[in-house]
C-alpha atoms as a PDB file:
ATOM      1  CA  MET A   1      66.381 113.079 116.826  1.00  0.00           C
ATOM      2  CA  ALA A   2      66.439 108.914 116.639  1.00  0.00           C
ATOM      3  CA  SER A   3      69.635 108.111 117.785  1.00  0.00           C
ATOM      4  CA  GLU A   4      71.100 106.191 114.492  1.00  0.00           C
ATOM      5  CA  SER A   5      74.341 103.432 113.727  1.00  0.00           C
ATOM      6  CA  ARG A   6      75.660 104.883 110.666  1.00  0.00           C
ATOM      7  CA  GLU A   7      78.463 102.915 109.346  1.00  0.00           C
ATOM      8  CA  ILE A   8      81.713 104.363 107.992  1.00  0.00           C
ATOM      9  CA  SER A   9      83.295 103.324 104.861  1.00  0.00           C
ATOM     10  CA  MET A  10      86.838 102.844 104.664  1.00  0.00           C
ATOM     11  CA  ALA A  11      86.914 103.383 100.881  1.00  0.00           C
ATOM     12  CA  VAL A  12      87.432 107.099 100.497  1.00  0.00           C
ATOM     13  CA  PRO A  13      89.875 107.525 103.472  1.00  0.00           C
ATOM     14  CA  THR A  14      91.906 104.816 101.118  1.00  0.00           C
ATOM     15  CA  ALA A  15      91.252 106.952  98.093  1.00  0.00           C
ATOM     16  CA  CYS A  16      92.444 109.757  99.364  1.00  0.00           C
ATOM     17  CA  LEU A  17      95.508 108.719 100.822  1.00  0.00           C
ATOM     18  CA  VAL A  18      96.411 106.323  98.186  1.00  0.00           C
ATOM     19  CA  ALA A  19      96.064 109.909  95.990  1.00  0.00           C
ATOM     20  CA  VAL A  20      98.134 111.837  97.958  1.00  0.00           C
ATOM     21  CA  GLY A  21     100.581 109.264  98.341  1.00  0.00           C
ATOM     22  CA  GLY A  22     101.349 108.877  94.748  1.00  0.00           C
ATOM     23  CA  PHE A  23     101.000 112.976  94.580  1.00  0.00           C
ATOM     24  CA  ILE A  24     104.117 112.940  96.803  1.00  0.00           C
ATOM     25  CA  VAL A  25     105.401 110.088  95.404  1.00  0.00           C
ATOM     26  CA  ALA A  26     105.423 112.061  92.044  1.00  0.00           C
ATOM     27  CA  ILE A  27     106.518 115.686  93.173  1.00  0.00           C
ATOM     28  CA  LEU A  28     109.559 113.977  94.973  1.00  0.00           C
ATOM     29  CA  SER A  29     110.812 112.001  91.948  1.00  0.00           C
ATOM     30  CA  GLY A  30     110.532 114.828  89.869  1.00  0.00           C
ATOM     31  CA  MET A  31     112.441 117.048  92.353  1.00  0.00           C
ATOM     32  CA  PHE A  32     115.377 114.824  92.119  1.00  0.00           C
ATOM     33  CA  VAL A  33     115.344 114.757  88.797  1.00  0.00           C
ATOM     34  CA  GLU A  34     115.250 118.309  88.430  1.00  0.00           C
ATOM     35  CA  ASN A  35     112.474 118.659  86.326  1.00  0.00           C
ATOM     36  CA  PRO A  36     110.747 121.886  85.768  1.00  0.00           C
ATOM     37  CA  PHE A  37     107.951 122.952  88.248  1.00  0.00           C
ATOM     38  CA  SER A  38     105.235 123.435  85.825  1.00  0.00           C
ATOM     39  CA  ALA A  39     105.701 119.761  84.527  1.00  0.00           C
ATOM     40  CA  VAL A  40     106.230 117.989  87.992  1.00  0.00           C
ATOM     41  CA  LEU A  41     102.591 119.641  89.508  1.00  0.00           C
ATOM     42  CA  ALA A  42     101.126 118.632  85.969  1.00  0.00           C
ATOM     43  CA  ARG A  43     102.615 115.428  86.115  1.00  0.00           C
ATOM     44  CA  ALA A  44     101.695 114.808  90.164  1.00  0.00           C
ATOM     45  CA  LEU A  45      98.036 115.582  89.803  1.00  0.00           C
ATOM     46  CA  LEU A  46      97.582 113.668  86.835  1.00  0.00           C
ATOM     47  CA  VAL A  47      98.667 110.816  88.824  1.00  0.00           C
ATOM     48  CA  MET A  48      96.706 112.059  91.585  1.00  0.00           C
ATOM     49  CA  LEU A  49      93.451 111.581  89.208  1.00  0.00           C
ATOM     50  CA  VAL A  50      94.821 108.387  88.275  1.00  0.00           C
ATOM     51  CA  LEU A  51      95.187 106.866  91.276  1.00  0.00           C
ATOM     52  CA  TRP A  52      92.029 107.893  93.492  1.00  0.00           C
ATOM     53  CA  PRO A  53      89.231 105.328  91.381  1.00  0.00           C
ATOM     54  CA  ILE A  54      92.572 102.744  91.919  1.00  0.00           C
ATOM     55  CA  GLY A  55      92.600 103.536  95.882  1.00  0.00           C
ATOM     56  CA  LEU A  56      88.779 103.467  96.019  1.00  0.00           C
ATOM     57  CA  VAL A  57      88.316 100.318  94.535  1.00  0.00           C
ATOM     58  CA  VAL A  58      91.162  98.760  96.811  1.00  0.00           C
ATOM     59  CA  GLY A  59      88.963 100.695 100.004  1.00  0.00           C
ATOM     60  CA  PHE A  60      86.122  99.021  98.446  1.00  0.00           C
ATOM     61  CA  VAL A  61      87.577  96.056  98.611  1.00  0.00           C
ATOM     62  CA  LEU A  62      89.428  96.077 102.112  1.00  0.00           C
ATOM     63  CA  GLU A  63      86.085  96.870 103.210  1.00  0.00           C
ATOM     64  CA  ARG A  64      84.164  93.956 102.242  1.00  0.00           C
ATOM     65  CA  LEU A  65      87.356  91.989 103.473  1.00  0.00           C
ATOM     66  CA  PHE A  66      87.143  93.660 106.975  1.00  0.00           C
ATOM     67  CA  ARG A  67      82.981  93.001 107.093  1.00  0.00           C
ATOM     68  CA  GLU A  68      83.697  89.227 105.651  1.00  0.00           C
ATOM     69  CA  HIS A  69      86.409  88.503 108.033  1.00  0.00           C
ATOM     70  CA  VAL A  70      84.024  90.200 111.550  1.00  0.00           C
ATOM     71  CA  SER A  71      80.864  88.083 110.836  1.00  0.00           C
ATOM     72  CA  ASN A  72      83.259  85.043 110.141  1.00  0.00           C
ATOM     73  CA  GLN A  73      85.143  85.899 114.115  1.00  0.00           C
ATOM     74  CA  ALA A  74      80.980  86.895 115.072  1.00  0.00           C
ATOM     75  CA  THR A  75      79.863  83.599 114.275  1.00  0.00           C
ATOM     76  CA  GLN A  76      82.580  81.286 115.473  1.00  0.00           C
ATOM     77  CA  MET A  77      81.972  83.499 118.601  1.00  0.00           C
ATOM     78  CA  VAL A  78      78.517  82.108 119.123  1.00  0.00           C
ATOM     79  CA  GLN A  79      79.464  79.086 118.150  1.00  0.00           C
ATOM     80  CA  ALA A  80      81.788  78.811 121.246  1.00  0.00           C
ATOM     81  CA  ASP A  81      79.208  79.803 123.201  1.00  0.00           C
ATOM     82  CA  LEU A  82      76.631  77.442 122.246  1.00  0.00           C
ATOM     83  CA  SER A  83      79.375  74.678 122.815  1.00  0.00           C
ATOM     84  CA  THR A  84      80.529  75.799 126.314  1.00  0.00           C
ATOM     85  CA  ASP A  85      76.503  75.412 127.210  1.00  0.00           C
ATOM     86  CA  GLU A  86      77.187  71.988 126.158  1.00  0.00           C
ATOM     87  CA  GLU A  87      77.499  69.645 129.687  1.00  0.00           C
ATOM     88  CA  PRO A  88      80.753  69.933 130.389  1.00  0.00           C
ATOM     89  CA  GLU A  89      82.921  66.738 130.628  1.00  0.00           C
ATOM     90  CA  ASP A  90      84.475  65.723 133.530  1.00  0.00           C
ATOM     91  CA  PRO A  91      87.637  67.489 134.516  1.00  0.00           C
ATOM     92  CA  ARG A  92      90.850  65.418 134.603  1.00  0.00           C
ATOM     93  CA  ILE A  93      93.484  66.133 137.141  1.00  0.00           C
ATOM     94  CA  VAL A  94      97.172  65.665 136.017  1.00  0.00           C
ATOM     95  CA  ASP A  95      99.470  64.411 138.907  1.00  0.00           C
ATOM     96  CA  GLN A  96     103.079  66.149 137.809  1.00  0.00           C
ATOM     97  CA  SER A  97     104.801  66.313 141.321  1.00  0.00           C
ATOM     98  CA  SER A  98     106.081  62.553 140.749  1.00  0.00           C
ATOM     99  CA  GLY A  99     108.506  64.085 137.748  1.00  0.00           C
ATOM    100  CA  GLU A 100     111.281  65.792 137.666  1.00  0.00           C
ATOM    101  CA  LEU A 101     111.324  69.815 137.577  1.00  0.00           C
ATOM    102  CA  ASP A 102     111.578  71.456 134.036  1.00  0.00           C
ATOM    103  CA  SER A 103     114.792  73.550 135.336  1.00  0.00           C
ATOM    104  CA  PRO A 104     117.546  72.213 137.634  1.00  0.00           C
ATOM    105  CA  VAL A 105     118.330  74.318 140.413  1.00  0.00           C
ATOM    106  CA  VAL A 106     121.198  75.383 141.019  1.00  0.00           C
ATOM    107  CA  GLU A 107     123.501  75.729 144.449  1.00  0.00           C
ATOM    108  CA  VAL A 108     125.226  79.510 144.807  1.00  0.00           C
ATOM    109  CA  PRO A 109     127.722  79.290 147.393  1.00  0.00           C
ATOM    110  CA  VAL A 110     127.344  82.337 149.819  1.00  0.00           C
ATOM    111  CA  ALA A 111     130.682  83.957 150.570  1.00  0.00           C
ATOM    112  CA  SER A 112     130.722  85.110 155.124  1.00  0.00           C
ATOM    113  CA  SER A 113     131.943  88.213 155.670  1.00  0.00           C
ATOM    114  CA  SER A 114     135.417  86.962 157.185  1.00  0.00           C
ATOM    115  CA  GLU A 115     136.422  85.452 153.704  1.00  0.00           C
ATOM    116  CA  VAL A 116     136.055  88.051 151.417  1.00  0.00           C
ATOM    117  CA  PRO A 117     139.302  90.163 151.563  1.00  0.00           C
END
């Protein structure tokens, strides 16, 4: 058995999540307005059947966007690696010892044990 790298599509799980989410919303909203259970269930199933293809399209769009983003990141990393292979510039040394400290130092008086009541 040869080891293959199979790519997993995110379109079908996205479609299922959207469909089940719509089903749950339809069930809860039908129960909230106290519709008969058979009508609530029929409408919820219809909503699930309508939302599954919509979720599938959304999943394919998201998958394409993620793949484009990954390929852009990979090309940027390759370009960054190529630019580091060039001759490095001379490092610039900055002396910050002559400047003021960023935060002022606060002196806290220490009380001796004889001064404490």
